[in-house]
Amino acid sequence: QVQLVESGGGSVQAGGSLRLSCAASGSRFSTAVMGWYRQVPGKQRELVATLTSGGSANYADSVKGRFTISRDNAKNTVYLQMSSLKPEDTAVYYCNAIHWGIVYWGQGTQVTVSS
């Protein structure tokens, strides 16, 4: 059974940094497109960043220059380094994987940025 487990969320002041991790189990995800999305109550889940197996990254305009997505295929893990955090980055962050046409989601991790 495939599972994505996020960690690294928490509370931080504006301007601070956090690193989220997403560990995949149950399958090898080296060929998957991995990504991070976020959602606040009452709003649709939105893309934060994606990363292909070939290393091509895509970012939402709101996080460009502040967030960096990376992956360690040997550890089956994808990371999201978040810097210069803003209160508007507050959300539940979800890990996502698209593997052999199937979409997987993690359970989410809360990130709260205070001003």
N, C-alpha and C. Protein backbone atom coordinates (compact mmCIF):
# COMPACT_ATOMS: atom_id res chain seq x y z
N GLN A 1 0.86 -1.19 0.00
CA GLN A 1 0.00 0.00 0.00
C GLN A 1 0.89 1.24 0.00
N VAL A 2 0.59 2.16 -0.91
CA VAL A 2 1.39 3.37 -1.03
C VAL A 2 0.97 4.37 0.04
N GLN A 3 1.95 4.96 0.69
CA GLN A 3 1.68 5.99 1.68
C GLN A 3 2.65 7.15 1.51
N LEU A 4 2.13 8.35 1.71
CA LEU A 4 2.96 9.56 1.76
C LEU A 4 2.78 10.15 3.13
N VAL A 5 3.88 10.37 3.83
CA VAL A 5 3.82 10.88 5.19
C VAL A 5 4.63 12.17 5.29
N GLU A 6 3.93 13.27 5.59
CA GLU A 6 4.60 14.56 5.71
C GLU A 6 5.07 14.78 7.14
N SER A 7 6.08 15.60 7.26
CA SER A 7 6.57 16.04 8.57
C SER A 7 7.25 17.38 8.41
N GLY A 8 7.49 18.05 9.53
CA GLY A 8 8.23 19.30 9.49
C GLY A 8 7.40 20.55 9.63
N GLY A 9 6.08 20.41 9.68
CA GLY A 9 5.25 21.59 9.87
C GLY A 9 5.38 22.14 11.27
N GLY A 10 4.80 23.31 11.47
CA GLY A 10 4.86 23.92 12.79
C GLY A 10 4.53 25.39 12.71
N SER A 11 4.88 26.08 13.78
CA SER A 11 4.63 27.52 13.88
C SER A 11 5.94 28.28 13.81
N VAL A 12 5.92 29.38 13.10
CA VAL A 12 7.12 30.19 12.93
C VAL A 12 6.71 31.64 12.76
N GLN A 13 7.59 32.55 13.10
CA GLN A 13 7.31 33.96 12.89
C GLN A 13 7.61 34.35 11.45
N ALA A 14 6.98 35.41 11.02
CA ALA A 14 7.21 35.91 9.67
C ALA A 14 8.70 36.17 9.46
N GLY A 15 9.17 35.78 8.28
CA GLY A 15 10.60 35.90 7.98
C GLY A 15 11.39 34.66 8.29
N GLY A 16 10.78 33.73 8.99
CA GLY A 16 11.47 32.50 9.38
C GLY A 16 11.44 31.45 8.29
N SER A 17 11.97 30.28 8.64
CA SER A 17 12.09 29.19 7.69
C SER A 17 11.58 27.88 8.29
N LEU A 18 11.13 27.02 7.42
CA LEU A 18 10.76 25.65 7.79
C LEU A 18 11.12 24.74 6.62
N ARG A 19 11.38 23.48 6.93
CA ARG A 19 11.57 22.49 5.89
C ARG A 19 10.58 21.35 6.08
N LEU A 20 9.77 21.13 5.07
CA LEU A 20 8.84 20.02 5.08
C LEU A 20 9.46 18.81 4.39
N SER A 21 9.13 17.64 4.91
CA SER A 21 9.58 16.39 4.30
C SER A 21 8.38 15.52 3.99
N CYS A 22 8.49 14.73 2.96
CA CYS A 22 7.44 13.78 2.60
C CYS A 22 8.11 12.46 2.23
N ALA A 23 7.89 11.48 3.07
CA ALA A 23 8.48 10.16 2.84
C ALA A 23 7.44 9.25 2.19
N ALA A 24 7.81 8.65 1.08
CA ALA A 24 6.92 7.74 0.36
C ALA A 24 7.29 6.30 0.69
N SER A 25 6.29 5.50 0.88
CA SER A 25 6.53 4.08 1.13
C SER A 25 5.56 3.25 0.31
N GLY A 26 5.93 2.00 0.08
CA GLY A 26 5.06 1.11 -0.65
C GLY A 26 5.37 1.00 -2.12
N SER A 27 6.20 1.91 -2.61
CA SER A 27 6.59 1.85 -4.01
C SER A 27 7.80 2.74 -4.20
N ARG A 28 8.52 2.50 -5.30
CA ARG A 28 9.63 3.39 -5.62
C ARG A 28 9.09 4.56 -6.42
N PHE A 29 9.38 5.77 -5.97
CA PHE A 29 8.83 6.95 -6.60
C PHE A 29 9.86 7.73 -7.41
N SER A 30 10.94 7.09 -7.79
CA SER A 30 11.99 7.81 -8.50
C SER A 30 11.51 8.35 -9.84
N THR A 31 10.48 7.73 -10.43
CA THR A 31 9.98 8.21 -11.72
C THR A 31 8.72 9.06 -11.57
N ALA A 32 8.28 9.29 -10.35
CA ALA A 32 7.04 10.03 -10.13
C ALA A 32 7.26 11.53 -10.18
N VAL A 33 6.22 12.23 -10.54
CA VAL A 33 6.20 13.68 -10.35
C VAL A 33 5.75 13.92 -8.91
N MET A 34 6.58 14.60 -8.16
CA MET A 34 6.27 14.88 -6.76
C MET A 34 5.92 16.35 -6.61
N GLY A 35 5.09 16.64 -5.63
CA GLY A 35 4.72 18.03 -5.47
C GLY A 35 4.21 18.35 -4.08
N TRP A 36 4.04 19.63 -3.86
CA TRP A 36 3.46 20.16 -2.62
C TRP A 36 2.30 21.07 -2.99
N TYR A 37 1.22 20.92 -2.26
CA TYR A 37 0.05 21.77 -2.39
C TYR A 37 -0.29 22.29 -1.01
N ARG A 38 -1.14 23.32 -0.96
CA ARG A 38 -1.58 23.84 0.32
C ARG A 38 -3.03 24.26 0.26
N GLN A 39 -3.64 24.28 1.43
CA GLN A 39 -5.06 24.61 1.50
C GLN A 39 -5.36 25.32 2.81
N VAL A 40 -6.17 26.37 2.70
CA VAL A 40 -6.69 27.06 3.87
C VAL A 40 -8.19 26.83 3.91
N PRO A 41 -8.78 26.88 5.09
CA PRO A 41 -10.22 26.62 5.20
C PRO A 41 -11.04 27.53 4.29
N GLY A 42 -11.97 26.93 3.57
CA GLY A 42 -12.85 27.69 2.71
C GLY A 42 -12.30 27.98 1.33
N LYS A 43 -11.07 27.53 1.08
CA LYS A 43 -10.47 27.78 -0.23
C LYS A 43 -10.05 26.46 -0.87
N GLN A 44 -9.87 26.51 -2.18
CA GLN A 44 -9.42 25.32 -2.90
C GLN A 44 -7.95 25.06 -2.62
N ARG A 45 -7.61 23.78 -2.71
CA ARG A 45 -6.21 23.41 -2.58
C ARG A 45 -5.45 23.98 -3.78
N GLU A 46 -4.28 24.54 -3.50
CA GLU A 46 -3.53 25.18 -4.57
C GLU A 46 -2.12 24.61 -4.66
N LEU A 47 -1.60 24.63 -5.88
CA LEU A 47 -0.26 24.13 -6.11
C LEU A 47 0.77 25.07 -5.50
N VAL A 48 1.77 24.48 -4.87
CA VAL A 48 2.90 25.25 -4.36
C VAL A 48 4.12 25.02 -5.25
N ALA A 49 4.45 23.74 -5.46
CA ALA A 49 5.62 23.41 -6.27
C ALA A 49 5.53 21.96 -6.72
N THR A 50 6.09 21.68 -7.88
CA THR A 50 6.20 20.31 -8.36
C THR A 50 7.61 20.06 -8.87
N LEU A 51 7.99 18.79 -8.91
CA LEU A 51 9.33 18.42 -9.34
C LEU A 51 9.26 17.09 -10.09
N THR A 52 9.72 17.11 -11.33
CA THR A 52 9.70 15.88 -12.12
C THR A 52 10.88 15.00 -11.75
N SER A 53 10.84 13.78 -12.24
CA SER A 53 11.96 12.86 -11.99
C SER A 53 13.24 13.35 -12.65
N GLY A 54 13.08 14.17 -13.70
CA GLY A 54 14.25 14.70 -14.37
C GLY A 54 14.82 15.96 -13.75
N GLY A 55 14.14 16.44 -12.70
CA GLY A 55 14.65 17.60 -11.98
C GLY A 55 14.06 18.93 -12.40
N SER A 56 13.01 18.90 -13.20
CA SER A 56 12.37 20.15 -13.61
C SER A 56 11.38 20.59 -12.54
N ALA A 57 11.59 21.80 -12.01
CA ALA A 57 10.75 22.31 -10.94
C ALA A 57 9.81 23.40 -11.45
N ASN A 58 8.64 23.45 -10.84
CA ASN A 58 7.65 24.46 -11.16
C ASN A 58 7.12 25.03 -9.86
N TYR A 59 6.98 26.35 -9.78
CA TYR A 59 6.55 27.00 -8.55
C TYR A 59 5.37 27.93 -8.80
N ALA A 60 4.52 28.04 -7.80
CA ALA A 60 3.51 29.09 -7.81
C ALA A 60 4.21 30.44 -7.74
N ASP A 61 3.63 31.43 -8.40
CA ASP A 61 4.24 32.76 -8.41
C ASP A 61 4.42 33.29 -6.99
N SER A 62 3.50 32.95 -6.11
CA SER A 62 3.53 33.49 -4.76
C SER A 62 4.70 32.99 -3.92
N VAL A 63 5.34 31.90 -4.35
CA VAL A 63 6.43 31.33 -3.56
C VAL A 63 7.77 31.36 -4.29
N LYS A 64 7.79 31.78 -5.54
CA LYS A 64 9.04 31.81 -6.29
C LYS A 64 10.08 32.66 -5.59
N GLY A 65 11.28 32.12 -5.52
CA GLY A 65 12.37 32.83 -4.88
C GLY A 65 12.42 32.64 -3.38
N ARG A 66 11.38 32.05 -2.80
CA ARG A 66 11.35 31.82 -1.34
C ARG A 66 11.33 30.34 -0.99
N PHE A 67 10.70 29.53 -1.82
CA PHE A 67 10.57 28.09 -1.56
C PHE A 67 11.41 27.31 -2.57
N THR A 68 11.93 26.18 -2.12
CA THR A 68 12.69 25.29 -3.00
C THR A 68 12.25 23.86 -2.78
N ILE A 69 11.88 23.20 -3.87
CA ILE A 69 11.51 21.78 -3.80
C ILE A 69 12.70 20.94 -4.24
N SER A 70 12.89 19.83 -3.56
CA SER A 70 13.99 18.93 -3.90
C SER A 70 13.57 17.51 -3.57
N ARG A 71 14.36 16.55 -4.04
CA ARG A 71 14.02 15.16 -3.76
C ARG A 71 15.28 14.34 -3.59
N ASP A 72 15.15 13.30 -2.80
CA ASP A 72 16.22 12.33 -2.61
C ASP A 72 15.63 10.98 -3.00
N ASN A 73 15.90 10.54 -4.19
CA ASN A 73 15.29 9.29 -4.68
C ASN A 73 15.76 8.08 -3.89
N ALA A 74 16.97 8.13 -3.39
CA ALA A 74 17.47 7.01 -2.60
C ALA A 74 16.67 6.83 -1.32
N LYS A 75 16.16 7.95 -0.79
CA LYS A 75 15.35 7.91 0.43
C LYS A 75 13.86 7.96 0.13
N ASN A 76 13.50 8.03 -1.16
CA ASN A 76 12.09 8.10 -1.52
C ASN A 76 11.41 9.27 -0.82
N THR A 77 12.09 10.41 -0.78
CA THR A 77 11.63 11.55 -0.01
C THR A 77 11.70 12.82 -0.85
N VAL A 78 10.70 13.67 -0.68
CA VAL A 78 10.70 14.98 -1.30
C VAL A 78 10.64 16.04 -0.20
N TYR A 79 11.29 17.15 -0.44
CA TYR A 79 11.40 18.21 0.56
C TYR A 79 10.84 19.52 0.01
N LEU A 80 10.43 20.38 0.93
CA LEU A 80 10.08 21.75 0.57
C LEU A 80 10.75 22.66 1.58
N GLN A 81 11.78 23.35 1.13
CA GLN A 81 12.46 24.33 1.97
C GLN A 81 11.74 25.66 1.80
N MET A 82 11.23 26.19 2.90
CA MET A 82 10.46 27.43 2.87
C MET A 82 11.21 28.49 3.65
N SER A 83 11.49 29.60 2.99
CA SER A 83 12.21 30.70 3.63
C SER A 83 11.41 31.99 3.47
N SER A 84 11.79 32.99 4.23
CA SER A 84 11.10 34.29 4.18
C SER A 84 9.59 34.09 4.26
N LEU A 85 9.18 33.29 5.21
CA LEU A 85 7.76 32.95 5.32
C LEU A 85 6.91 34.16 5.67
N LYS A 86 5.70 34.17 5.14
CA LYS A 86 4.75 35.26 5.34
C LYS A 86 3.49 34.70 6.00
N PRO A 87 2.73 35.54 6.69
CA PRO A 87 1.48 35.05 7.29
C PRO A 87 0.55 34.40 6.26
N GLU A 88 0.58 34.88 5.03
CA GLU A 88 -0.28 34.30 4.00
C GLU A 88 0.16 32.91 3.54
N ASP A 89 1.31 32.45 4.02
CA ASP A 89 1.75 31.08 3.74
C ASP A 89 1.09 30.09 4.71
N THR A 90 0.39 30.60 5.70
CA THR A 90 -0.29 29.73 6.66
C THR A 90 -1.31 28.84 5.96
N ALA A 91 -1.19 27.54 6.14
CA ALA A 91 -2.06 26.58 5.46
C ALA A 91 -1.71 25.18 5.92
N VAL A 92 -2.53 24.24 5.52
CA VAL A 92 -2.16 22.83 5.62
C VAL A 92 -1.45 22.47 4.31
N TYR A 93 -0.27 21.92 4.42
CA TYR A 93 0.53 21.57 3.26
C TYR A 93 0.44 20.07 3.01
N TYR A 94 0.17 19.72 1.76
CA TYR A 94 -0.02 18.32 1.38
C TYR A 94 1.04 17.90 0.37
N CYS A 95 1.57 16.74 0.59
CA CYS A 95 2.47 16.11 -0.37
C CYS A 95 1.65 15.38 -1.42
N ASN A 96 2.13 15.39 -2.63
CA ASN A 96 1.42 14.79 -3.76
C ASN A 96 2.40 14.02 -4.62
N ALA A 97 1.94 12.89 -5.15
CA ALA A 97 2.76 12.12 -6.09
C ALA A 97 1.87 11.61 -7.20
N ILE A 98 2.37 11.70 -8.41
CA ILE A 98 1.68 11.12 -9.57
C ILE A 98 2.59 10.02 -10.11
N HIS A 99 2.15 8.79 -9.95
CA HIS A 99 3.00 7.63 -10.22
C HIS A 99 2.22 6.62 -11.04
N TRP A 100 2.66 6.37 -12.27
CA TRP A 100 1.98 5.45 -13.17
C TRP A 100 0.50 5.84 -13.32
N GLY A 101 0.26 7.16 -13.40
CA GLY A 101 -1.09 7.65 -13.66
C GLY A 101 -2.00 7.72 -12.44
N ILE A 102 -1.48 7.31 -11.30
CA ILE A 102 -2.27 7.33 -10.07
C ILE A 102 -1.81 8.49 -9.20
N VAL A 103 -2.77 9.20 -8.63
CA VAL A 103 -2.46 10.35 -7.78
C VAL A 103 -2.54 9.94 -6.31
N TYR A 104 -1.53 10.27 -5.58
CA TYR A 104 -1.47 9.97 -4.15
C TYR A 104 -1.34 11.27 -3.36
N TRP A 105 -1.92 11.28 -2.17
CA TRP A 105 -1.86 12.43 -1.28
C TRP A 105 -1.42 11.99 0.11
N GLY A 106 -0.68 12.88 0.75
CA GLY A 106 -0.38 12.67 2.16
C GLY A 106 -1.52 13.21 3.01
N GLN A 107 -1.35 13.09 4.32
CA GLN A 107 -2.41 13.50 5.23
C GLN A 107 -2.38 14.99 5.56
N GLY A 108 -1.29 15.65 5.21
CA GLY A 108 -1.18 17.08 5.44
C GLY A 108 -0.43 17.43 6.71
N THR A 109 0.23 18.57 6.69
CA THR A 109 0.92 19.08 7.86
C THR A 109 0.67 20.58 7.96
N GLN A 110 0.36 21.04 9.16
CA GLN A 110 0.00 22.44 9.36
C GLN A 110 1.24 23.32 9.43
N VAL A 111 1.19 24.43 8.70
CA VAL A 111 2.21 25.47 8.79
C VAL A 111 1.50 26.76 9.19
N THR A 112 1.96 27.36 10.28
CA THR A 112 1.36 28.60 10.76
C THR A 112 2.45 29.65 10.88
N VAL A 113 2.23 30.78 10.20
CA VAL A 113 3.21 31.87 10.22
C VAL A 113 2.56 33.07 10.88
N SER A 114 3.15 33.52 11.96
CA SER A 114 2.59 34.66 12.70
C SER A 114 3.35 35.93 12.36
N SER A 115 2.61 37.03 12.42
CA SER A 115 3.22 38.33 12.07
C SER A 115 3.84 38.99 13.28
